[in-house]
C-alpha cells in the first residue's frame, strides 16, 4: 500500500475541496447526512477501484450504500450496547451502593478496551464490506483478524496516518 498515493488521491480532482465541503455540509442533516457520508466513502472507493481520478459528485444520493455500510459495522457495536445495558440495570437494581460503583468501574474499563479494539478493526471491517460485499462484515471476525495479521505493516501505517490526520 502506497500511503502517499492514498493521501494525494482525492486532491487529483480539481473540484475536491468543493465536493468535500458539500459532503461535510450534508452531514448536518440528521441521520441521512451520516448515512450519505458512509455511502460516499463507498462511492469514492468504487471510483478509485475503477481507475477514475476524480471524486464522485457531491450529492445526497449515497444514503442506500451508507445504510449497508452502517449495517456492516452494526454488529461490532453490540458489545458496547450490552455493556451500557448492564451499567443501567446495575444502577437501577443496586442503587447508590459500592456494588454499583464497582460495576460501573468494571464496565467502563471494558468499554474502553472494546471501543479501542473496534476502532482498530474498523478499517478492516469497511474493507471486507467494500471489497467482498459482506453485508454483515463485522461478523467475519476470523477473516478480519487474518486480514490485519497478513497486512500488519501497512495496517499500522494506515493508523499512523489516521492519527496524524486527526491531530
Foldseek 3Di string as FASTA:
>chain_A
DDVVCVVCLAVLAVCSVVLVVLLVVLCVPPPLSQLQVQQQVLQQVVCVVVVHSYRPHNDSPRNVVSVLLCQQLVVLCVVVVVLVVQLVVLCVVVPPDVSSVVSVVVSVVVNVVSVVVSVLLSVLSSVCCNPVVDSNSVVPVVVSVVVCVVPVPVSVVVVVVVVVVVD
